[in-house]
Full PDB file with SEQRES, HELIX, SHEET, SSBOND, CRYST1, ORIGX, SCALE, CONECT and MASTER records, all heavy atoms in Angstrom:
SEQRES   1 A   33  ARG ALA ASP LEU ALA VAL LEU ALA GLY PRO TRP PRO GLU          
SEQRES   2 A   33  ASP THR GLU PRO LEU ASP CYS PRO VAL ARG VAL TYR LEU          
SEQRES   3 A   33  GLY ASP SER ASP THR GLY VAL                                  
HELIX    1 AA1 ALA A    2  LEU A    7  1                                   6    
CRYST1    1.000    1.000    1.000  90.00  90.00  90.00 P 1           1          
ORIGX1      1.000000  0.000000  0.000000        0.00000                         
ORIGX2      0.000000  1.000000  0.000000        0.00000                         
ORIGX3      0.000000  0.000000  1.000000        0.00000                         
SCALE1      1.000000  0.000000  0.000000        0.00000                         
SCALE2      0.000000  1.000000  0.000000        0.00000                         
SCALE3      0.000000  0.000000  1.000000        0.00000                         
ATOM      1  N   ARG A   1     -28.443  59.185  87.378  1.00  0.00           N  
ATOM      2  CA  ARG A   1     -28.682  60.594  87.053  1.00  0.00           C  
ATOM      3  C   ARG A   1     -28.423  60.809  85.639  1.00  0.00           C  
ATOM      4  O   ARG A   1     -29.113  61.594  84.939  1.00  0.00           O  
ATOM      5  CB  ARG A   1     -27.898  61.459  87.987  1.00  0.00           C  
ATOM      6  CG  ARG A   1     -28.338  61.445  89.460  1.00  0.00           C  
ATOM      7  CD  ARG A   1     -27.459  62.326  90.345  1.00  0.00           C  
ATOM      8  NE  ARG A   1     -27.591  63.797  89.917  1.00  0.00           N  
ATOM      9  CZ  ARG A   1     -26.850  64.698  90.390  1.00  0.00           C  
ATOM     10  NH1 ARG A   1     -25.890  64.508  91.349  1.00  0.00           N  
ATOM     11  NH2 ARG A   1     -27.078  65.991  90.018  1.00  0.00           N  
ATOM     12  N   ALA A   2     -27.391  60.179  85.093  1.00  0.00           N  
ATOM     13  CA  ALA A   2     -27.127  60.324  83.634  1.00  0.00           C  
ATOM     14  C   ALA A   2     -28.283  59.851  82.793  1.00  0.00           C  
ATOM     15  O   ALA A   2     -28.682  60.372  81.791  1.00  0.00           O  
ATOM     16  CB  ALA A   2     -25.833  59.652  83.251  1.00  0.00           C  
ATOM     17  N   ASP A   3     -28.822  58.591  83.155  1.00  0.00           N  
ATOM     18  CA  ASP A   3     -29.927  58.003  82.427  1.00  0.00           C  
ATOM     19  C   ASP A   3     -31.118  58.928  82.581  1.00  0.00           C  
ATOM     20  O   ASP A   3     -31.932  59.038  81.553  1.00  0.00           O  
ATOM     21  CB  ASP A   3     -30.185  56.675  82.892  1.00  0.00           C  
ATOM     22  CG  ASP A   3     -29.090  55.673  82.572  1.00  0.00           C  
ATOM     23  OD1 ASP A   3     -28.256  55.963  81.697  1.00  0.00           O  
ATOM     24  OD2 ASP A   3     -29.080  54.571  83.059  1.00  0.00           O  
ATOM     25  N   LEU A   4     -31.386  59.490  83.679  1.00  0.00           N  
ATOM     26  CA  LEU A   4     -32.553  60.398  83.873  1.00  0.00           C  
ATOM     27  C   LEU A   4     -32.350  61.582  82.998  1.00  0.00           C  
ATOM     28  O   LEU A   4     -33.404  62.147  82.493  1.00  0.00           O  
ATOM     29  CB  LEU A   4     -32.727  60.735  85.286  1.00  0.00           C  
ATOM     30  CG  LEU A   4     -33.147  59.654  86.263  1.00  0.00           C  
ATOM     31  CD1 LEU A   4     -33.080  60.115  87.763  1.00  0.00           C  
ATOM     32  CD2 LEU A   4     -34.566  59.103  85.954  1.00  0.00           C  
ATOM     33  N   ALA A   5     -31.138  62.113  82.762  1.00  0.00           N  
ATOM     34  CA  ALA A   5     -30.920  63.137  81.926  1.00  0.00           C  
ATOM     35  C   ALA A   5     -31.276  62.797  80.459  1.00  0.00           C  
ATOM     36  O   ALA A   5     -31.742  63.561  79.650  1.00  0.00           O  
ATOM     37  CB  ALA A   5     -29.480  63.715  81.987  1.00  0.00           C  
ATOM     38  N   VAL A   6     -30.914  61.522  80.050  1.00  0.00           N  
ATOM     39  CA  VAL A   6     -31.214  60.978  78.756  1.00  0.00           C  
ATOM     40  C   VAL A   6     -32.775  61.059  78.647  1.00  0.00           C  
ATOM     41  O   VAL A   6     -33.325  61.541  77.591  1.00  0.00           O  
ATOM     42  CB  VAL A   6     -30.709  59.608  78.589  1.00  0.00           C  
ATOM     43  CG1 VAL A   6     -31.253  58.948  77.310  1.00  0.00           C  
ATOM     44  CG2 VAL A   6     -29.213  59.652  78.546  1.00  0.00           C  
ATOM     45  N   LEU A   7     -33.496  60.558  79.544  1.00  0.00           N  
ATOM     46  CA  LEU A   7     -34.942  60.543  79.511  1.00  0.00           C  
ATOM     47  C   LEU A   7     -35.535  61.958  79.469  1.00  0.00           C  
ATOM     48  O   LEU A   7     -36.583  62.158  78.789  1.00  0.00           O  
ATOM     49  CB  LEU A   7     -35.526  59.764  80.694  1.00  0.00           C  
ATOM     50  CG  LEU A   7     -35.246  58.272  80.669  1.00  0.00           C  
ATOM     51  CD1 LEU A   7     -35.597  57.635  82.019  1.00  0.00           C  
ATOM     52  CD2 LEU A   7     -36.131  57.606  79.609  1.00  0.00           C  
ATOM     53  N   ALA A   8     -34.871  62.868  80.107  1.00  0.00           N  
ATOM     54  CA  ALA A   8     -35.441  64.298  80.057  1.00  0.00           C  
ATOM     55  C   ALA A   8     -35.319  64.920  78.706  1.00  0.00           C  
ATOM     56  O   ALA A   8     -35.902  66.079  78.514  1.00  0.00           O  
ATOM     57  CB  ALA A   8     -34.687  65.110  81.173  1.00  0.00           C  
ATOM     58  N   GLY A   9     -34.574  64.337  77.775  1.00  0.00           N  
ATOM     59  CA  GLY A   9     -34.502  64.872  76.466  1.00  0.00           C  
ATOM     60  C   GLY A   9     -33.326  65.709  76.190  1.00  0.00           C  
ATOM     61  O   GLY A   9     -32.494  65.910  77.016  1.00  0.00           O  
ATOM     62  N   PRO A  10     -33.247  66.174  74.938  1.00  0.00           N  
ATOM     63  CA  PRO A  10     -34.149  66.025  73.804  1.00  0.00           C  
ATOM     64  C   PRO A  10     -34.097  64.632  73.122  1.00  0.00           C  
ATOM     65  O   PRO A  10     -33.127  63.873  73.254  1.00  0.00           O  
ATOM     66  CB  PRO A  10     -33.718  67.034  72.742  1.00  0.00           C  
ATOM     67  CG  PRO A  10     -32.270  67.134  73.020  1.00  0.00           C  
ATOM     68  CD  PRO A  10     -32.037  66.936  74.507  1.00  0.00           C  
ATOM     69  N   TRP A  11     -35.163  64.281  72.408  1.00  0.00           N  
ATOM     70  CA  TRP A  11     -35.199  63.000  71.728  1.00  0.00           C  
ATOM     71  C   TRP A  11     -35.449  63.221  70.236  1.00  0.00           C  
ATOM     72  O   TRP A  11     -35.898  64.348  69.751  1.00  0.00           O  
ATOM     73  CB  TRP A  11     -36.370  62.159  72.260  1.00  0.00           C  
ATOM     74  CG  TRP A  11     -36.048  61.512  73.585  1.00  0.00           C  
ATOM     75  CD1 TRP A  11     -35.781  62.170  74.742  1.00  0.00           C  
ATOM     76  CD2 TRP A  11     -35.815  60.157  73.804  1.00  0.00           C  
ATOM     77  NE1 TRP A  11     -35.503  61.277  75.703  1.00  0.00           N  
ATOM     78  CE2 TRP A  11     -35.448  60.006  75.167  1.00  0.00           C  
ATOM     79  CE3 TRP A  11     -35.829  59.055  72.976  1.00  0.00           C  
ATOM     80  CZ2 TRP A  11     -35.077  58.770  75.754  1.00  0.00           C  
ATOM     81  CZ3 TRP A  11     -35.577  57.752  73.617  1.00  0.00           C  
ATOM     82  CH2 TRP A  11     -35.225  57.704  74.916  1.00  0.00           C  
ATOM     83  N   PRO A  12     -35.129  62.336  69.306  1.00  0.00           N  
ATOM     84  CA  PRO A  12     -35.248  62.480  67.865  1.00  0.00           C  
ATOM     85  C   PRO A  12     -36.727  62.812  67.495  1.00  0.00           C  
ATOM     86  O   PRO A  12     -37.742  62.431  68.222  1.00  0.00           O  
ATOM     87  CB  PRO A  12     -34.886  61.106  67.297  1.00  0.00           C  
ATOM     88  CG  PRO A  12     -34.022  60.523  68.301  1.00  0.00           C  
ATOM     89  CD  PRO A  12     -34.567  60.974  69.637  1.00  0.00           C  
ATOM     90  N   GLU A  13     -36.887  63.520  66.440  1.00  0.00           N  
ATOM     91  CA  GLU A  13     -38.227  63.921  65.991  1.00  0.00           C  
ATOM     92  C   GLU A  13     -38.891  62.927  65.049  1.00  0.00           C  
ATOM     93  O   GLU A  13     -40.037  63.097  64.816  1.00  0.00           O  
ATOM     94  CB  GLU A  13     -38.063  65.284  65.199  1.00  0.00           C  
ATOM     95  CG  GLU A  13     -37.560  66.447  66.062  1.00  0.00           C  
ATOM     96  CD  GLU A  13     -38.558  66.781  67.150  1.00  0.00           C  
ATOM     97  OE1 GLU A  13     -39.826  66.662  66.941  1.00  0.00           O  
ATOM     98  OE2 GLU A  13     -38.094  67.191  68.276  1.00  0.00           O  
ATOM     99  N   ASP A  14     -38.201  61.868  64.737  1.00  0.00           N  
ATOM    100  CA  ASP A  14     -38.823  60.839  63.869  1.00  0.00           C  
ATOM    101  C   ASP A  14     -39.884  60.152  64.569  1.00  0.00           C  
ATOM    102  O   ASP A  14     -39.677  59.490  65.629  1.00  0.00           O  
ATOM    103  CB  ASP A  14     -37.647  59.896  63.442  1.00  0.00           C  
ATOM    104  CG  ASP A  14     -38.161  58.726  62.498  1.00  0.00           C  
ATOM    105  OD1 ASP A  14     -39.382  58.737  62.204  1.00  0.00           O  
ATOM    106  OD2 ASP A  14     -37.350  57.976  62.078  1.00  0.00           O  
ATOM    107  N   THR A  15     -41.098  60.294  64.114  1.00  0.00           N  
ATOM    108  CA  THR A  15     -42.278  59.655  64.706  1.00  0.00           C  
ATOM    109  C   THR A  15     -42.927  58.574  63.839  1.00  0.00           C  
ATOM    110  O   THR A  15     -44.057  58.162  64.098  1.00  0.00           O  
ATOM    111  CB  THR A  15     -43.351  60.689  65.192  1.00  0.00           C  
ATOM    112  OG1 THR A  15     -43.718  61.430  63.946  1.00  0.00           O  
ATOM    113  CG2 THR A  15     -42.741  61.648  66.168  1.00  0.00           C  
ATOM    114  N   GLU A  16     -42.300  58.181  62.821  1.00  0.00           N  
ATOM    115  CA  GLU A  16     -42.793  57.162  61.917  1.00  0.00           C  
ATOM    116  C   GLU A  16     -42.897  55.906  62.741  1.00  0.00           C  
ATOM    117  O   GLU A  16     -42.003  55.484  63.443  1.00  0.00           O  
ATOM    118  CB  GLU A  16     -41.877  56.967  60.646  1.00  0.00           C  
ATOM    119  CG  GLU A  16     -42.016  58.064  59.689  1.00  0.00           C  
ATOM    120  CD  GLU A  16     -43.301  58.234  59.098  1.00  0.00           C  
ATOM    121  OE1 GLU A  16     -43.923  57.149  58.695  1.00  0.00           O  
ATOM    122  OE2 GLU A  16     -43.833  59.264  58.966  1.00  0.00           O  
ATOM    123  N   PRO A  17     -44.124  55.153  62.530  1.00  0.00           N  
ATOM    124  CA  PRO A  17     -44.246  53.857  63.329  1.00  0.00           C  
ATOM    125  C   PRO A  17     -43.048  52.861  62.974  1.00  0.00           C  
ATOM    126  O   PRO A  17     -42.463  52.983  61.877  1.00  0.00           O  
ATOM    127  CB  PRO A  17     -45.558  53.337  62.783  1.00  0.00           C  
ATOM    128  CG  PRO A  17     -46.266  54.576  62.380  1.00  0.00           C  
ATOM    129  CD  PRO A  17     -45.204  55.483  61.795  1.00  0.00           C  
ATOM    130  N   LEU A  18     -42.835  51.917  63.835  1.00  0.00           N  
ATOM    131  CA  LEU A  18     -41.750  50.978  63.661  1.00  0.00           C  
ATOM    132  C   LEU A  18     -42.052  49.980  62.591  1.00  0.00           C  
ATOM    133  O   LEU A  18     -41.158  49.438  61.951  1.00  0.00           O  
ATOM    134  CB  LEU A  18     -41.425  50.341  65.040  1.00  0.00           C  
ATOM    135  CG  LEU A  18     -40.941  51.202  66.133  1.00  0.00           C  
ATOM    136  CD1 LEU A  18     -40.813  50.454  67.389  1.00  0.00           C  
ATOM    137  CD2 LEU A  18     -39.663  51.964  65.771  1.00  0.00           C  
ATOM    138  N   ASP A  19     -43.360  49.708  62.400  1.00  0.00           N  
ATOM    139  CA  ASP A  19     -43.779  48.785  61.372  1.00  0.00           C  
ATOM    140  C   ASP A  19     -43.171  47.401  61.534  1.00  0.00           C  
ATOM    141  O   ASP A  19     -42.707  46.769  60.622  1.00  0.00           O  
ATOM    142  CB  ASP A  19     -43.427  49.345  59.912  1.00  0.00           C  
ATOM    143  CG  ASP A  19     -44.228  48.595  58.807  1.00  0.00           C  
ATOM    144  OD1 ASP A  19     -45.331  48.156  59.138  1.00  0.00           O  
ATOM    145  OD2 ASP A  19     -43.720  48.492  57.701  1.00  0.00           O  
ATOM    146  N   CYS A  20     -43.184  46.901  62.822  1.00  0.00           N  
ATOM    147  CA  CYS A  20     -42.845  45.472  63.106  1.00  0.00           C  
ATOM    148  C   CYS A  20     -43.747  45.062  64.091  1.00  0.00           C  
ATOM    149  O   CYS A  20     -44.460  45.836  64.762  1.00  0.00           O  
ATOM    150  CB  CYS A  20     -41.304  45.482  63.519  1.00  0.00           C  
ATOM    151  SG  CYS A  20     -40.984  46.262  65.159  1.00  0.00           S  
ATOM    152  N   PRO A  21     -43.847  43.787  64.389  1.00  0.00           N  
ATOM    153  CA  PRO A  21     -44.603  43.285  65.549  1.00  0.00           C  
ATOM    154  C   PRO A  21     -44.157  43.854  66.834  1.00  0.00           C  
ATOM    155  O   PRO A  21     -42.892  44.028  67.090  1.00  0.00           O  
ATOM    156  CB  PRO A  21     -44.374  41.742  65.512  1.00  0.00           C  
ATOM    157  CG  PRO A  21     -43.955  41.485  64.125  1.00  0.00           C  
ATOM    158  CD  PRO A  21     -43.134  42.590  63.700  1.00  0.00           C  
ATOM    159  N   VAL A  22     -45.068  44.196  67.770  1.00  0.00           N  
ATOM    160  CA  VAL A  22     -44.770  44.780  69.058  1.00  0.00           C  
ATOM    161  C   VAL A  22     -45.501  44.013  70.054  1.00  0.00           C  
ATOM    162  O   VAL A  22     -46.731  43.774  70.023  1.00  0.00           O  
ATOM    163  CB  VAL A  22     -45.166  46.238  69.101  1.00  0.00           C  
ATOM    164  CG1 VAL A  22     -44.969  46.805  70.564  1.00  0.00           C  
ATOM    165  CG2 VAL A  22     -44.283  47.049  68.158  1.00  0.00           C  
ATOM    166  N   ARG A  23     -44.768  43.621  71.143  1.00  0.00           N  
ATOM    167  CA  ARG A  23     -45.316  43.033  72.352  1.00  0.00           C  
ATOM    168  C   ARG A  23     -44.971  43.942  73.516  1.00  0.00           C  
ATOM    169  O   ARG A  23     -43.953  44.417  73.690  1.00  0.00           O  
ATOM    170  CB  ARG A  23     -44.828  41.699  72.574  1.00  0.00           C  
ATOM    171  CG  ARG A  23     -45.153  40.705  71.527  1.00  0.00           C  
ATOM    172  CD  ARG A  23     -46.672  40.373  71.524  1.00  0.00           C  
ATOM    173  NE  ARG A  23     -47.012  39.429  70.479  1.00  0.00           N  
ATOM    174  CZ  ARG A  23     -47.289  39.745  69.248  1.00  0.00           C  
ATOM    175  NH1 ARG A  23     -47.372  40.973  68.782  1.00  0.00           N  
ATOM    176  NH2 ARG A  23     -47.610  38.707  68.382  1.00  0.00           N  
ATOM    177  N   VAL A  24     -45.971  44.109  74.387  1.00  0.00           N  
ATOM    178  CA  VAL A  24     -45.799  44.972  75.604  1.00  0.00           C  
ATOM    179  C   VAL A  24     -45.988  44.110  76.840  1.00  0.00           C  
ATOM    180  O   VAL A  24     -47.000  43.308  76.976  1.00  0.00           O  
ATOM    181  CB  VAL A  24     -46.785  46.160  75.664  1.00  0.00           C  
ATOM    182  CG1 VAL A  24     -46.666  46.891  76.998  1.00  0.00           C  
ATOM    183  CG2 VAL A  24     -46.551  47.063  74.485  1.00  0.00           C  
ATOM    184  N   TYR A  25     -44.987  44.158  77.735  1.00  0.00           N  
ATOM    185  CA  TYR A  25     -44.995  43.339  78.938  1.00  0.00           C  
ATOM    186  C   TYR A  25     -45.185  44.329  80.108  1.00  0.00           C  
ATOM    187  O   TYR A  25     -44.362  45.304  80.210  1.00  0.00           O  
ATOM    188  CB  TYR A  25     -43.719  42.560  79.160  1.00  0.00           C  
ATOM    189  CG  TYR A  25     -43.439  41.425  78.133  1.00  0.00           C  
ATOM    190  CD1 TYR A  25     -42.270  40.620  78.224  1.00  0.00           C  
ATOM    191  CD2 TYR A  25     -44.335  41.109  77.150  1.00  0.00           C  
ATOM    192  CE1 TYR A  25     -42.033  39.687  77.370  1.00  0.00           C  
ATOM    193  CE2 TYR A  25     -44.131  40.060  76.227  1.00  0.00           C  
ATOM    194  CZ  TYR A  25     -42.966  39.326  76.348  1.00  0.00           C  
ATOM    195  OH  TYR A  25     -42.724  38.352  75.486  1.00  0.00           O  
ATOM    196  N   LEU A  26     -46.131  44.033  80.957  1.00  0.00           N  
ATOM    197  CA  LEU A  26     -46.407  44.982  82.126  1.00  0.00           C  
ATOM    198  C   LEU A  26     -46.484  44.186  83.399  1.00  0.00           C  
ATOM    199  O   LEU A  26     -46.968  42.987  83.415  1.00  0.00           O  
ATOM    200  CB  LEU A  26     -47.753  45.649  81.886  1.00  0.00           C  
ATOM    201  CG  LEU A  26     -47.890  46.651  80.752  1.00  0.00           C  
ATOM    202  CD1 LEU A  26     -49.385  47.132  80.691  1.00  0.00           C  
ATOM    203  CD2 LEU A  26     -46.924  47.721  80.824  1.00  0.00           C  
ATOM    204  N   GLY A  27     -46.055  44.818  84.457  1.00  0.00           N  
ATOM    205  CA  GLY A  27     -46.410  44.291  85.832  1.00  0.00           C  
ATOM    206  C   GLY A  27     -47.688  44.834  86.283  1.00  0.00           C  
ATOM    207  O   GLY A  27     -47.985  46.056  86.214  1.00  0.00           O  
ATOM    208  N   ASP A  28     -48.579  43.892  86.748  1.00  0.00           N  
ATOM    209  CA  ASP A  28     -49.942  44.312  87.055  1.00  0.00           C  
ATOM    210  C   ASP A  28     -49.970  45.229  88.298  1.00  0.00           C  
ATOM    211  O   ASP A  28     -50.991  45.969  88.511  1.00  0.00           O  
ATOM    212  CB  ASP A  28     -50.896  43.153  87.289  1.00  0.00           C  
ATOM    213  CG  ASP A  28     -50.451  42.192  88.375  1.00  0.00           C  
ATOM    214  OD1 ASP A  28     -49.478  42.522  89.143  1.00  0.00           O  
ATOM    215  OD2 ASP A  28     -51.101  41.094  88.503  1.00  0.00           O  
ATOM    216  N   SER A  29     -48.911  45.384  89.105  1.00  0.00           N  
ATOM    217  CA  SER A  29     -48.878  46.242  90.226  1.00  0.00           C  
ATOM    218  C   SER A  29     -47.797  47.444  90.040  1.00  0.00           C  
ATOM    219  O   SER A  29     -47.444  48.057  90.920  1.00  0.00           O  
ATOM    220  CB  SER A  29     -48.576  45.556  91.533  1.00  0.00           C  
ATOM    221  OG  SER A  29     -47.348  44.864  91.488  1.00  0.00           O  
ATOM    222  N   ASP A  30     -47.459  47.616  88.780  1.00  0.00           N  
ATOM    223  CA  ASP A  30     -46.568  48.758  88.410  1.00  0.00           C  
ATOM    224  C   ASP A  30     -47.321  50.030  88.325  1.00  0.00           C  
ATOM    225  O   ASP A  30     -48.089  50.247  87.425  1.00  0.00           O  
ATOM    226  CB  ASP A  30     -45.873  48.393  87.070  1.00  0.00           C  
ATOM    227  CG  ASP A  30     -44.819  49.507  86.755  1.00  0.00           C  
ATOM    228  OD1 ASP A  30     -44.708  50.493  87.450  1.00  0.00           O  
ATOM    229  OD2 ASP A  30     -44.156  49.299  85.738  1.00  0.00           O  
ATOM    230  N   THR A  31     -47.214  50.881  89.384  1.00  0.00           N  
ATOM    231  CA  THR A  31     -47.936  52.063  89.442  1.00  0.00           C  
ATOM    232  C   THR A  31     -47.438  53.143  88.531  1.00  0.00           C  
ATOM    233  O   THR A  31     -48.151  54.204  88.245  1.00  0.00           O  
ATOM    234  CB  THR A  31     -47.904  52.690  90.881  1.00  0.00           C  
ATOM    235  OG1 THR A  31     -46.579  52.902  91.276  1.00  0.00           O  
ATOM    236  CG2 THR A  31     -48.546  51.679  91.878  1.00  0.00           C  
ATOM    237  N   GLY A  32     -46.191  52.944  87.872  1.00  0.00           N  
ATOM    238  CA  GLY A  32     -45.678  53.882  87.040  1.00  0.00           C  
ATOM    239  C   GLY A  32     -46.127  53.835  85.542  1.00  0.00           C  
ATOM    240  O   GLY A  32     -45.896  54.719  84.754  1.00  0.00           O  
ATOM    241  N   VAL A  33     -46.769  52.730  85.168  1.00  0.00           N  
ATOM    242  CA  VAL A  33     -47.172  52.492  83.832  1.00  0.00           C  
ATOM    243  C   VAL A  33     -48.638  51.908  83.841  1.00  0.00           C  
ATOM    244  O   VAL A  33     -48.847  50.811  84.196  1.00  0.00           O  
ATOM    245  CB  VAL A  33     -46.317  51.479  83.055  1.00  0.00           C  
ATOM    246  CG1 VAL A  33     -46.691  51.405  81.587  1.00  0.00           C  
ATOM    247  CG2 VAL A  33     -44.802  51.939  83.145  1.00  0.00           C  
TER     248      VAL A  33                                                      
MASTER        0    0    0    1    0    0    0    6  247    1    0    3          
END                                                                             
């Protein structure tokens, strides 16, 4: 519940791209993403 509160915000306003290589890993049956 504490982590869900973190996800609910607020979050920092900095939206500058990270400017580093990025890899995304996904589960092919993950219905949440």
